[in-house]
Amino acid sequence: HQGLDKAAAKQKAIEMLRKVGIPSPEKRVDEYP
């Protein structure tokens, strides 16, 4: 929907996880449900 490249999209995903209070978002972003 926003047309970001993969690196920028991952950075935003990490920021969103941080916003909702998930600890260590840089690590958690690569984990499975």
Full PDB file with SEQRES, HELIX, SHEET, SSBOND, CRYST1, ORIGX, SCALE, CONECT and MASTER records, all heavy atoms in Angstrom:
SEQRES   1 A   33  HIS GLN GLY LEU ASP LYS ALA ALA ALA LYS GLN LYS ALA          
SEQRES   2 A   33  ILE GLU MET LEU ARG LYS VAL GLY ILE PRO SER PRO GLU          
SEQRES   3 A   33  LYS ARG VAL ASP GLU TYR PRO                                  
HELIX    1 AA1 LYS A    6  LYS A   19  1                                  14    
HELIX    2 AA2 PRO A   25  ARG A   28  1                                   4    
CRYST1    1.000    1.000    1.000  90.00  90.00  90.00 P 1           1          
ORIGX1      1.000000  0.000000  0.000000        0.00000                         
ORIGX2      0.000000  1.000000  0.000000        0.00000                         
ORIGX3      0.000000  0.000000  1.000000        0.00000                         
SCALE1      1.000000  0.000000  0.000000        0.00000                         
SCALE2      0.000000  1.000000  0.000000        0.00000                         
SCALE3      0.000000  0.000000  1.000000        0.00000                         
ATOM      1  N   HIS A   1       0.789  -1.225   0.000  1.00  0.00           N  
ATOM      2  CA  HIS A   1       0.000   0.000   0.000  1.00  0.00           C  
ATOM      3  C   HIS A   1       0.825   1.280   0.000  1.00  0.00           C  
ATOM      4  O   HIS A   1       0.357   2.324  -0.439  1.00  0.00           O  
ATOM      5  CB  HIS A   1      -0.951   0.011   1.203  1.00  0.00           C  
ATOM      6  CG  HIS A   1      -1.987  -1.068   1.156  1.00  0.00           C  
ATOM      7  ND1 HIS A   1      -2.909  -1.189   0.149  1.00  0.00           N  
ATOM      8  CD2 HIS A   1      -2.238  -2.104   2.015  1.00  0.00           C  
ATOM      9  CE1 HIS A   1      -3.702  -2.225   0.378  1.00  0.00           C  
ATOM     10  NE2 HIS A   1      -3.309  -2.793   1.496  1.00  0.00           N  
ATOM     11  N   GLN A   2       2.075   1.213   0.524  1.00  0.00           N  
ATOM     12  CA  GLN A   2       2.864   2.441   0.644  1.00  0.00           C  
ATOM     13  C   GLN A   2       4.048   2.492  -0.312  1.00  0.00           C  
ATOM     14  O   GLN A   2       4.724   3.515  -0.401  1.00  0.00           O  
ATOM     15  CB  GLN A   2       3.337   2.621   2.085  1.00  0.00           C  
ATOM     16  CG  GLN A   2       2.184   2.785   3.071  1.00  0.00           C  
ATOM     17  CD  GLN A   2       2.629   3.275   4.434  1.00  0.00           C  
ATOM     18  OE1 GLN A   2       3.756   3.028   4.846  1.00  0.00           O  
ATOM     19  NE2 GLN A   2       1.755   3.972   5.127  1.00  0.00           N  
ATOM     20  N   GLY A   3       4.321   1.375  -0.992  1.00  0.00           N  
ATOM     21  CA  GLY A   3       5.354   1.373  -2.024  1.00  0.00           C  
ATOM     22  C   GLY A   3       6.776   1.479  -1.498  1.00  0.00           C  
ATOM     23  O   GLY A   3       7.684   1.869  -2.244  1.00  0.00           O  
ATOM     24  N   LEU A   4       7.020   1.143  -0.234  1.00  0.00           N  
ATOM     25  CA  LEU A   4       8.379   1.204   0.305  1.00  0.00           C  
ATOM     26  C   LEU A   4       9.175  -0.022  -0.134  1.00  0.00           C  
ATOM     27  O   LEU A   4       8.618  -1.094  -0.387  1.00  0.00           O  
ATOM     28  CB  LEU A   4       8.332   1.258   1.840  1.00  0.00           C  
ATOM     29  CG  LEU A   4       7.617   2.446   2.486  1.00  0.00           C  
ATOM     30  CD1 LEU A   4       7.714   2.352   3.997  1.00  0.00           C  
ATOM     31  CD2 LEU A   4       8.193   3.765   1.996  1.00  0.00           C  
ATOM     32  N   ASP A   5      10.505   0.141  -0.226  1.00  0.00           N  
ATOM     33  CA  ASP A   5      11.325  -1.033  -0.541  1.00  0.00           C  
ATOM     34  C   ASP A   5      11.445  -1.914   0.704  1.00  0.00           C  
ATOM     35  O   ASP A   5      10.994  -1.546   1.800  1.00  0.00           O  
ATOM     36  CB  ASP A   5      12.697  -0.614  -1.083  1.00  0.00           C  
ATOM     37  CG  ASP A   5      13.517   0.197  -0.077  1.00  0.00           C  
ATOM     38  OD1 ASP A   5      13.348   0.002   1.144  1.00  0.00           O  
ATOM     39  OD2 ASP A   5      14.326   1.047  -0.505  1.00  0.00           O  
ATOM     40  N   LYS A   6      12.081  -3.063   0.532  1.00  0.00           N  
ATOM     41  CA  LYS A   6      12.115  -4.068   1.604  1.00  0.00           C  
ATOM     42  C   LYS A   6      12.812  -3.542   2.862  1.00  0.00           C  
ATOM     43  O   LYS A   6      12.325  -3.758   3.985  1.00  0.00           O  
ATOM     44  CB  LYS A   6      12.816  -5.330   1.100  1.00  0.00           C  
ATOM     45  CG  LYS A   6      12.696  -6.506   2.049  1.00  0.00           C  
ATOM     46  CD  LYS A   6      13.248  -7.772   1.420  1.00  0.00           C  
ATOM     47  CE  LYS A   6      13.082  -8.966   2.380  1.00  0.00           C  
ATOM     48  NZ  LYS A   6      13.600 -10.220   1.773  1.00  0.00           N  
ATOM     49  N   ALA A   7      13.919  -2.856   2.683  1.00  0.00           N  
ATOM     50  CA  ALA A   7      14.679  -2.356   3.843  1.00  0.00           C  
ATOM     51  C   ALA A   7      13.871  -1.315   4.620  1.00  0.00           C  
ATOM     52  O   ALA A   7      13.808  -1.357   5.859  1.00  0.00           O  
ATOM     53  CB  ALA A   7      16.008  -1.768   3.384  1.00  0.00           C  
ATOM     54  N   ALA A   8      13.247  -0.384   3.882  1.00  0.00           N  
ATOM     55  CA  ALA A   8      12.450   0.658   4.545  1.00  0.00           C  
ATOM     56  C   ALA A   8      11.216   0.067   5.211  1.00  0.00           C  
ATOM     57  O   ALA A   8      10.815   0.488   6.299  1.00  0.00           O  
ATOM     58  CB  ALA A   8      12.048   1.724   3.518  1.00  0.00           C  
ATOM     59  N   ALA A   9      10.603  -0.929   4.543  1.00  0.00           N  
ATOM     60  CA  ALA A   9       9.416  -1.577   5.107  1.00  0.00           C  
ATOM     61  C   ALA A   9       9.763  -2.323   6.391  1.00  0.00           C  
ATOM     62  O   ALA A   9       8.998  -2.307   7.354  1.00  0.00           O  
ATOM     63  CB  ALA A   9       8.806  -2.537   4.083  1.00  0.00           C  
ATOM     64  N   LYS A  10      10.931  -2.968   6.408  1.00  0.00           N  
ATOM     65  CA  LYS A  10      11.342  -3.689   7.629  1.00  0.00           C  
ATOM     66  C   LYS A  10      11.605  -2.717   8.760  1.00  0.00           C  
ATOM     67  O   LYS A  10      11.242  -2.973   9.918  1.00  0.00           O  
ATOM     68  CB  LYS A  10      12.583  -4.532   7.352  1.00  0.00           C  
ATOM     69  CG  LYS A  10      12.982  -5.385   8.559  1.00  0.00           C  
ATOM     70  CD  LYS A  10      14.036  -6.412   8.223  1.00  0.00           C  
ATOM     71  CE  LYS A  10      14.315  -7.314   9.426  1.00  0.00           C  
ATOM     72  NZ  LYS A  10      15.313  -8.365   9.100  1.00  0.00           N  
ATOM     73  N   GLN A  11      12.217  -1.576   8.451  1.00  0.00           N  
ATOM     74  CA  GLN A  11      12.473  -0.572   9.472  1.00  0.00           C  
ATOM     75  C   GLN A  11      11.167  -0.067  10.071  1.00  0.00           C  
ATOM     76  O   GLN A  11      11.045   0.112  11.282  1.00  0.00           O  
ATOM     77  CB  GLN A  11      13.232   0.583   8.830  1.00  0.00           C  
ATOM     78  CG  GLN A  11      14.437   1.173   9.555  1.00  0.00           C  
ATOM     79  CD  GLN A  11      15.079   0.348  10.634  1.00  0.00           C  
ATOM     80  OE1 GLN A  11      15.754  -0.650  10.354  1.00  0.00           O  
ATOM     81  NE2 GLN A  11      14.908   0.749  11.876  1.00  0.00           N  
ATOM     82  N   LYS A  12      10.164   0.127   9.203  1.00  0.00           N  
ATOM     83  CA  LYS A  12       8.864   0.595   9.693  1.00  0.00           C  
ATOM     84  C   LYS A  12       8.186  -0.493  10.518  1.00  0.00           C  
ATOM     85  O   LYS A  12       7.531  -0.197  11.524  1.00  0.00           O  
ATOM     86  CB  LYS A  12       7.966   1.017   8.536  1.00  0.00           C  
ATOM     87  CG  LYS A  12       6.634   1.583   9.016  1.00  0.00           C  
ATOM     88  CD  LYS A  12       5.928   2.443   8.000  1.00  0.00           C  
ATOM     89  CE  LYS A  12       4.700   3.102   8.635  1.00  0.00           C  
ATOM     90  NZ  LYS A  12       3.962   3.961   7.706  1.00  0.00           N  
ATOM     91  N   ALA A  13       8.333  -1.759  10.113  1.00  0.00           N  
ATOM     92  CA  ALA A  13       7.754  -2.868  10.869  1.00  0.00           C  
ATOM     93  C   ALA A  13       8.347  -2.920  12.275  1.00  0.00           C  
ATOM     94  O   ALA A  13       7.631  -3.132  13.267  1.00  0.00           O  
ATOM     95  CB  ALA A  13       7.991  -4.190  10.136  1.00  0.00           C  
ATOM     96  N   ILE A  14       9.662  -2.708  12.368  1.00  0.00           N  
ATOM     97  CA  ILE A  14      10.327  -2.695  13.681  1.00  0.00           C  
ATOM     98  C   ILE A  14       9.780  -1.549  14.531  1.00  0.00           C  
ATOM     99  O   ILE A  14       9.500  -1.715  15.724  1.00  0.00           O  
ATOM    100  CB  ILE A  14      11.858  -2.559  13.499  1.00  0.00           C  
ATOM    101  CG1 ILE A  14      12.425  -3.848  12.881  1.00  0.00           C  
ATOM    102  CG2 ILE A  14      12.535  -2.262  14.838  1.00  0.00           C  
ATOM    103  CD1 ILE A  14      13.870  -3.723  12.442  1.00  0.00           C  
ATOM    104  N   GLU A  15       9.610  -0.383  13.911  1.00  0.00           N  
ATOM    105  CA  GLU A  15       9.101   0.783  14.633  1.00  0.00           C  
ATOM    106  C   GLU A  15       7.677   0.542  15.126  1.00  0.00           C  
ATOM    107  O   GLU A  15       7.318   0.933  16.248  1.00  0.00           O  
ATOM    108  CB  GLU A  15       9.144   2.012  13.726  1.00  0.00           C  
ATOM    109  CG  GLU A  15       8.656   3.294  14.389  1.00  0.00           C  
ATOM    110  CD  GLU A  15       9.427   3.640  15.662  1.00  0.00           C  
ATOM    111  OE1 GLU A  15      10.640   3.328  15.749  1.00  0.00           O  
ATOM    112  OE2 GLU A  15       8.816   4.214  16.582  1.00  0.00           O  
ATOM    113  N   MET A  16       6.849  -0.131  14.301  1.00  0.00           N  
ATOM    114  CA  MET A  16       5.468  -0.417  14.706  1.00  0.00           C  
ATOM    115  C   MET A  16       5.437  -1.397  15.873  1.00  0.00           C  
ATOM    116  O   MET A  16       4.636  -1.250  16.802  1.00  0.00           O  
ATOM    117  CB  MET A  16       4.662  -0.967  13.529  1.00  0.00           C  
ATOM    118  CG  MET A  16       4.389   0.042  12.411  1.00  0.00           C  
ATOM    119  SD  MET A  16       3.692   1.608  12.995  1.00  0.00           S  
ATOM    120  CE  MET A  16       2.198   1.037  13.808  1.00  0.00           C  
ATOM    121  N   LEU A  17       6.312  -2.399  15.857  1.00  0.00           N  
ATOM    122  CA  LEU A  17       6.382  -3.343  16.978  1.00  0.00           C  
ATOM    123  C   LEU A  17       6.819  -2.625  18.255  1.00  0.00           C  
ATOM    124  O   LEU A  17       6.316  -2.917  19.343  1.00  0.00           O  
ATOM    125  CB  LEU A  17       7.343  -4.488  16.654  1.00  0.00           C  
ATOM    126  CG  LEU A  17       6.896  -5.461  15.563  1.00  0.00           C  
ATOM    127  CD1 LEU A  17       7.980  -6.493  15.283  1.00  0.00           C  
ATOM    128  CD2 LEU A  17       5.598  -6.168  15.962  1.00  0.00           C  
ATOM    129  N   ARG A  18       7.728  -1.683  18.109  1.00  0.00           N  
ATOM    130  CA  ARG A  18       8.159  -0.896  19.274  1.00  0.00           C  
ATOM    131  C   ARG A  18       6.998  -0.058  19.810  1.00  0.00           C  
ATOM    132  O   ARG A  18       6.794   0.045  21.022  1.00  0.00           O  
ATOM    133  CB  ARG A  18       9.335   0.003  18.888  1.00  0.00           C  
ATOM    134  CG  ARG A  18       9.879   0.818  20.070  1.00  0.00           C  
ATOM    135  CD  ARG A  18      11.065   1.660  19.672  1.00  0.00           C  
ATOM    136  NE  ARG A  18      12.250   0.832  19.424  1.00  0.00           N  
ATOM    137  CZ  ARG A  18      12.810   0.657  18.227  1.00  0.00           C  
ATOM    138  NH1 ARG A  18      12.291   1.258  17.163  1.00  0.00           N  
ATOM    139  NH2 ARG A  18      13.869  -0.102  18.083  1.00  0.00           N  
ATOM    140  N   LYS A  19       6.199   0.523  18.895  1.00  0.00           N  
ATOM    141  CA  LYS A  19       5.083   1.370  19.299  1.00  0.00           C  
ATOM    142  C   LYS A  19       4.032   0.611  20.101  1.00  0.00           C  
ATOM    143  O   LYS A  19       3.403   1.176  21.002  1.00  0.00           O  
ATOM    144  CB  LYS A  19       4.414   1.981  18.056  1.00  0.00           C  
ATOM    145  CG  LYS A  19       5.033   3.283  17.591  1.00  0.00           C  
ATOM    146  CD  LYS A  19       4.159   3.934  16.531  1.00  0.00           C  
ATOM    147  CE  LYS A  19       4.682   5.314  16.190  1.00  0.00           C  
ATOM    148  NZ  LYS A  19       3.796   5.998  15.222  1.00  0.00           N  
ATOM    149  N   VAL A  20       3.821  -0.657  19.762  1.00  0.00           N  
ATOM    150  CA  VAL A  20       2.800  -1.426  20.482  1.00  0.00           C  
ATOM    151  C   VAL A  20       3.370  -2.151  21.702  1.00  0.00           C  
ATOM    152  O   VAL A  20       2.712  -3.000  22.304  1.00  0.00           O  
ATOM    153  CB  VAL A  20       2.079  -2.439  19.554  1.00  0.00           C  
ATOM    154  CG1 VAL A  20       1.325  -1.715  18.463  1.00  0.00           C  
ATOM    155  CG2 VAL A  20       3.046  -3.458  18.958  1.00  0.00           C  
ATOM    156  N   GLY A  21       4.609  -1.822  22.064  1.00  0.00           N  
ATOM    157  CA  GLY A  21       5.152  -2.302  23.328  1.00  0.00           C  
ATOM    158  C   GLY A  21       5.784  -3.667  23.295  1.00  0.00           C  
ATOM    159  O   GLY A  21       5.917  -4.315  24.343  1.00  0.00           O  
ATOM    160  N   ILE A  22       6.209  -4.145  22.126  1.00  0.00           N  
ATOM    161  CA  ILE A  22       6.887  -5.442  22.052  1.00  0.00           C  
ATOM    162  C   ILE A  22       8.380  -5.232  22.302  1.00  0.00           C  
ATOM    163  O   ILE A  22       9.026  -4.448  21.600  1.00  0.00           O  
ATOM    164  CB  ILE A  22       6.643  -6.117  20.684  1.00  0.00           C  
ATOM    165  CG1 ILE A  22       5.183  -6.552  20.599  1.00  0.00           C  
ATOM    166  CG2 ILE A  22       7.579  -7.302  20.471  1.00  0.00           C  
ATOM    167  CD1 ILE A  22       4.800  -7.249  19.325  1.00  0.00           C  
ATOM    168  N   PRO A  23       8.951  -5.906  23.311  1.00  0.00           N  
ATOM    169  CA  PRO A  23      10.368  -5.708  23.630  1.00  0.00           C  
ATOM    170  C   PRO A  23      11.276  -6.287  22.548  1.00  0.00           C  
ATOM    171  O   PRO A  23      10.898  -7.213  21.836  1.00  0.00           O  
ATOM    172  CB  PRO A  23      10.527  -6.460  24.958  1.00  0.00           C  
ATOM    173  CG  PRO A  23       9.435  -7.478  24.958  1.00  0.00           C  
ATOM    174  CD  PRO A  23       8.305  -6.866  24.214  1.00  0.00           C  
ATOM    175  N   SER A  24      12.474  -5.724  22.435  1.00  0.00           N  
ATOM    176  CA  SER A  24      13.482  -6.168  21.455  1.00  0.00           C  
ATOM    177  C   SER A  24      12.883  -6.347  20.063  1.00  0.00           C  
ATOM    178  O   SER A  24      12.968  -7.422  19.457  1.00  0.00           O  
ATOM    179  CB  SER A  24      14.122  -7.493  21.909  1.00  0.00           C  
ATOM    180  OG  SER A  24      14.645  -7.394  23.203  1.00  0.00           O  
ATOM    181  N   PRO A  25      12.259  -5.296  19.504  1.00  0.00           N  
ATOM    182  CA  PRO A  25      11.586  -5.448  18.211  1.00  0.00           C  
ATOM    183  C   PRO A  25      12.527  -5.821  17.075  1.00  0.00           C  
ATOM    184  O   PRO A  25      12.124  -6.488  16.128  1.00  0.00           O  
ATOM    185  CB  PRO A  25      10.946  -4.070  17.984  1.00  0.00           C  
ATOM    186  CG  PRO A  25      11.735  -3.122  18.825  1.00  0.00           C  
ATOM    187  CD  PRO A  25      12.163  -3.916  20.019  1.00  0.00           C  
ATOM    188  N   GLU A  26      13.814  -5.408  17.158  1.00  0.00           N  
ATOM    189  CA  GLU A  26      14.778  -5.763  16.112  1.00  0.00           C  
ATOM    190  C   GLU A  26      14.963  -7.275  16.013  1.00  0.00           C  
ATOM    191  O   GLU A  26      15.202  -7.809  14.918  1.00  0.00           O  
ATOM    192  CB  GLU A  26      16.136  -5.108  16.383  1.00  0.00           C  
ATOM    193  CG  GLU A  26      16.123  -3.583  16.328  1.00  0.00           C  
ATOM    194  CD  GLU A  26      15.705  -2.945  17.653  1.00  0.00           C  
ATOM    195  OE1 GLU A  26      15.393  -3.701  18.608  1.00  0.00           O  
ATOM    196  OE2 GLU A  26      15.694  -1.708  17.728  1.00  0.00           O  
ATOM    197  N   LYS A  27      14.829  -7.959  17.139  1.00  0.00           N  
ATOM    198  CA  LYS A  27      14.933  -9.427  17.142  1.00  0.00           C  
ATOM    199  C   LYS A  27      13.575 -10.063  16.838  1.00  0.00           C  
ATOM    200  O   LYS A  27      13.477 -11.011  16.047  1.00  0.00           O  
ATOM    201  CB  LYS A  27      15.437  -9.881  18.516  1.00  0.00           C  
ATOM    202  CG  LYS A  27      15.455 -11.391  18.688  1.00  0.00           C  
ATOM    203  CD  LYS A  27      15.762 -11.756  20.139  1.00  0.00           C  
ATOM    204  CE  LYS A  27      15.587 -13.260  20.353  1.00  0.00           C  
ATOM    205  NZ  LYS A  27      15.707 -13.634  21.772  1.00  0.00           N  
ATOM    206  N   ARG A  28      12.541  -9.549  17.456  1.00  0.00           N  
ATOM    207  CA  ARG A  28      11.208 -10.150  17.334  1.00  0.00           C  
ATOM    208  C   ARG A  28      10.650 -10.069  15.912  1.00  0.00           C  
ATOM    209  O   ARG A  28       9.819 -10.879  15.522  1.00  0.00           O  
ATOM    210  CB  ARG A  28      10.237  -9.461  18.295  1.00  0.00           C  
ATOM    211  CG  ARG A  28      10.535  -9.708  19.763  1.00  0.00           C  
ATOM    212  CD  ARG A  28      10.206 -11.122  20.148  1.00  0.00           C  
ATOM    213  NE  ARG A  28      10.236 -11.327  21.585  1.00  0.00           N  
ATOM    214  CZ  ARG A  28       9.881 -12.452  22.190  1.00  0.00           C  
ATOM    215  NH1 ARG A  28       9.450 -13.466  21.468  1.00  0.00           N  
ATOM    216  NH2 ARG A  28       9.953 -12.569  23.492  1.00  0.00           N  
ATOM    217  N   VAL A  29      11.101  -9.086  15.146  1.00  0.00           N  
ATOM    218  CA  VAL A  29      10.568  -8.910  13.795  1.00  0.00           C  
ATOM    219  C   VAL A  29      10.847 -10.132  12.917  1.00  0.00           C  
ATOM    220  O   VAL A  29      10.120 -10.402  11.951  1.00  0.00           O  
ATOM    221  CB  VAL A  29      11.156  -7.624  13.164  1.00  0.00           C  
ATOM    222  CG1 VAL A  29      12.597  -7.826  12.730  1.00  0.00           C  
ATOM    223  CG2 VAL A  29      10.293  -7.158  11.996  1.00  0.00           C  
ATOM    224  N   ASP A  30      11.875 -10.910  13.252  1.00  0.00           N  
ATOM    225  CA  ASP A  30      12.233 -12.094  12.461  1.00  0.00           C  
ATOM    226  C   ASP A  30      11.709 -13.387  13.071  1.00  0.00           C  
ATOM    227  O   ASP A  30      12.079 -14.486  12.611  1.00  0.00           O  
ATOM    228  CB  ASP A  30      13.758 -12.175  12.303  1.00  0.00           C  
ATOM    229  CG  ASP A  30      14.313 -11.032  11.463  1.00  0.00           C  
ATOM    230  OD1 ASP A  30      13.668 -10.681  10.451  1.00  0.00           O  
ATOM    231  OD2 ASP A  30      15.371 -10.476  11.836  1.00  0.00           O  
ATOM    232  N   GLU A  31      10.872 -13.291  14.096  1.00  0.00           N  
ATOM    233  CA  GLU A  31      10.320 -14.495  14.720  1.00  0.00           C  
ATOM    234  C   GLU A  31       8.943 -14.822  14.150  1.00  0.00           C  
ATOM    235  O   GLU A  31       8.294 -13.991  13.510  1.00  0.00           O  
ATOM    236  CB  GLU A  31      10.251 -14.311  16.236  1.00  0.00           C  
ATOM    237  CG  GLU A  31      11.627 -14.220  16.884  1.00  0.00           C  
ATOM    238  CD  GLU A  31      11.575 -14.127  18.392  1.00  0.00           C  
ATOM    239  OE1 GLU A  31      10.482 -13.868  18.938  1.00  0.00           O  
ATOM    240  OE2 GLU A  31      12.632 -14.303  19.032  1.00  0.00           O  
ATOM    241  N   TYR A  32       8.505 -16.057  14.417  1.00  0.00           N  
ATOM    242  CA  TYR A  32       7.236 -16.555  13.883  1.00  0.00           C  
ATOM    243  C   TYR A  32       6.136 -16.439  14.935  1.00  0.00           C  
ATOM    244  O   TYR A  32       6.424 -16.335  16.138  1.00  0.00           O  
ATOM    245  CB  TYR A  32       7.395 -18.014  13.440  1.00  0.00           C  
ATOM    246  CG  TYR A  32       8.275 -18.164  12.221  1.00  0.00           C  
ATOM    247  CD1 TYR A  32       9.663 -18.285  12.350  1.00  0.00           C  
ATOM    248  CD2 TYR A  32       7.730 -18.155  10.939  1.00  0.00           C  
ATOM    249  CE1 TYR A  32      10.481 -18.404  11.235  1.00  0.00           C  
ATOM    250  CE2 TYR A  32       8.535 -18.277   9.814  1.00  0.00           C  
ATOM    251  CZ  TYR A  32       9.912 -18.391   9.970  1.00  0.00           C  
ATOM    252  OH  TYR A  32      10.701 -18.496   8.862  1.00  0.00           O  
ATOM    253  N   PRO A  33       4.870 -16.461  14.507  1.00  0.00           N  
ATOM    254  CA  PRO A  33       3.765 -16.300  15.468  1.00  0.00           C  
ATOM    255  C   PRO A  33       3.815 -17.264  16.650  1.00  0.00           C  
ATOM    256  O   PRO A  33       3.482 -16.869  17.770  1.00  0.00           O  
ATOM    257  CB  PRO A  33       2.523 -16.545  14.600  1.00  0.00           C  
ATOM    258  CG  PRO A  33       2.929 -16.084  13.240  1.00  0.00           C  
ATOM    259  CD  PRO A  33       4.376 -16.468  13.110  1.00  0.00           C  
TER     260      PRO A  33                                                      
MASTER        0    0    0    2    0    0    0    6  259    1    0    3          
END                                                                             
